[in-house]
């Protein structure tokens, strides 16, 4: 279960999953295991933010990019 997911809309959840799948495809094999989303929230700019199993967190922007 992803902490905070109940606060996201269905559209935000779909966006989060789509960007995370692309993000996971872009990383090396030894990094992939930590790419599972464990927490999600929306920031003050209406961006979906995620914390990953590896402890890193990212903004998943509306254009499909992340930082």
C-alpha atoms as a PDB file:
ATOM      1  CA  UNK A   1       0.000   0.000   0.000  1.00  0.00           C
ATOM      2  CA  UNK A   2       1.224   3.466  -0.896  1.00  0.00           C
ATOM      3  CA  UNK A   3       0.958   5.915   1.985  1.00  0.00           C
ATOM      4  CA  UNK A   4      -1.152   8.954   1.014  1.00  0.00           C
ATOM      5  CA  UNK A   5      -2.528   7.492  -2.226  1.00  0.00           C
ATOM      6  CA  UNK A   6      -6.095   7.994  -0.989  1.00  0.00           C
ATOM      7  CA  UNK A   7      -5.568  11.768  -1.278  1.00  0.00           C
ATOM      8  CA  UNK A   8      -4.798  11.580  -5.008  1.00  0.00           C
ATOM      9  CA  UNK A   9      -7.391  11.673  -7.760  1.00  0.00           C
ATOM     10  CA  UNK A  10      -7.704   8.768 -10.178  1.00  0.00           C
ATOM     11  CA  UNK A  11      -6.053  10.919 -12.864  1.00  0.00           C
ATOM     12  CA  UNK A  12      -3.122  11.711 -10.540  1.00  0.00           C
ATOM     13  CA  UNK A  13      -2.713   8.022  -9.687  1.00  0.00           C
ATOM     14  CA  UNK A  14      -2.653   7.080 -13.381  1.00  0.00           C
ATOM     15  CA  UNK A  15      -0.086   9.826 -14.050  1.00  0.00           C
ATOM     16  CA  UNK A  16       2.061   8.683 -11.099  1.00  0.00           C
ATOM     17  CA  UNK A  17       2.044   5.071 -12.306  1.00  0.00           C
ATOM     18  CA  UNK A  18       2.799   6.027 -15.920  1.00  0.00           C
ATOM     19  CA  UNK A  19       5.744   8.282 -14.988  1.00  0.00           C
ATOM     20  CA  UNK A  20       7.093   5.782 -12.462  1.00  0.00           C
ATOM     21  CA  UNK A  21       7.020   3.017 -15.081  1.00  0.00           C
ATOM     22  CA  UNK A  22       8.980   5.229 -17.506  1.00  0.00           C
ATOM     23  CA  UNK A  23      11.332   6.343 -14.711  1.00  0.00           C
ATOM     24  CA  UNK A  24      11.963   2.705 -13.714  1.00  0.00           C
ATOM     25  CA  UNK A  25      12.681   1.767 -17.346  1.00  0.00           C
ATOM     26  CA  UNK A  26      15.395   4.457 -17.457  1.00  0.00           C
ATOM     27  CA  UNK A  27      17.464   3.306 -14.472  1.00  0.00           C
ATOM     28  CA  UNK A  28      20.085   0.590 -14.142  1.00  0.00           C
ATOM     29  CA  UNK A  29      19.260  -2.933 -12.988  1.00  0.00           C
ATOM     30  CA  UNK A  30      20.742  -2.523  -9.520  1.00  0.00           C
ATOM     31  CA  UNK A  31      18.612   0.614  -8.946  1.00  0.00           C
ATOM     32  CA  UNK A  32      15.294  -0.873 -10.178  1.00  0.00           C
ATOM     33  CA  UNK A  33      14.557  -2.765  -6.942  1.00  0.00           C
ATOM     34  CA  UNK A  34      14.297   0.528  -5.039  1.00  0.00           C
ATOM     35  CA  UNK A  35      11.890   2.180  -7.491  1.00  0.00           C
ATOM     36  CA  UNK A  36       8.713   0.978  -5.755  1.00  0.00           C
ATOM     37  CA  UNK A  37       6.585   3.922  -4.597  1.00  0.00           C
ATOM     38  CA  UNK A  38       5.948   3.864  -0.847  1.00  0.00           C
ATOM     39  CA  UNK A  39       4.422   7.341  -0.382  1.00  0.00           C
ATOM     40  CA  UNK A  40       2.665   9.894  -2.602  1.00  0.00           C
ATOM     41  CA  UNK A  41       1.420  13.449  -2.166  1.00  0.00           C
ATOM     42  CA  UNK A  42       0.602  16.565  -4.184  1.00  0.00           C
ATOM     43  CA  UNK A  43       2.763  19.654  -3.650  1.00  0.00           C
ATOM     44  CA  UNK A  44       1.720  23.313  -3.628  1.00  0.00           C
ATOM     45  CA  UNK A  45       2.225  23.495  -7.428  1.00  0.00           C
ATOM     46  CA  UNK A  46      -0.159  20.563  -7.966  1.00  0.00           C
ATOM     47  CA  UNK A  47       2.674  18.175  -8.890  1.00  0.00           C
ATOM     48  CA  UNK A  48       2.496  14.557  -7.801  1.00  0.00           C
ATOM     49  CA  UNK A  49       5.451  13.753  -5.544  1.00  0.00           C
ATOM     50  CA  UNK A  50       6.622  10.272  -4.633  1.00  0.00           C
ATOM     51  CA  UNK A  51       8.974   8.701  -2.110  1.00  0.00           C
ATOM     52  CA  UNK A  52      10.559   5.484  -3.312  1.00  0.00           C
ATOM     53  CA  UNK A  53      11.553   2.355  -1.428  1.00  0.00           C
ATOM     54  CA  UNK A  54      15.205   3.383  -1.774  1.00  0.00           C
ATOM     55  CA  UNK A  55      14.489   6.609   0.169  1.00  0.00           C
ATOM     56  CA  UNK A  56      14.741   9.007  -2.770  1.00  0.00           C
ATOM     57  CA  UNK A  57      11.818  11.263  -3.620  1.00  0.00           C
ATOM     58  CA  UNK A  58      10.814  12.969  -6.849  1.00  0.00           C
ATOM     59  CA  UNK A  59       8.378  15.440  -8.349  1.00  0.00           C
ATOM     60  CA  UNK A  60       6.514  13.787 -11.243  1.00  0.00           C
ATOM     61  CA  UNK A  61       5.621  16.731 -13.468  1.00  0.00           C
ATOM     62  CA  UNK A  62       2.590  16.987 -15.742  1.00  0.00           C
ATOM     63  CA  UNK A  63       4.803  16.756 -18.853  1.00  0.00           C
ATOM     64  CA  UNK A  64       6.009  13.298 -17.782  1.00  0.00           C
ATOM     65  CA  UNK A  65       9.424  14.389 -16.534  1.00  0.00           C
ATOM     66  CA  UNK A  66      10.747  14.157 -12.998  1.00  0.00           C
ATOM     67  CA  UNK A  67      13.316  15.755 -10.755  1.00  0.00           C
END
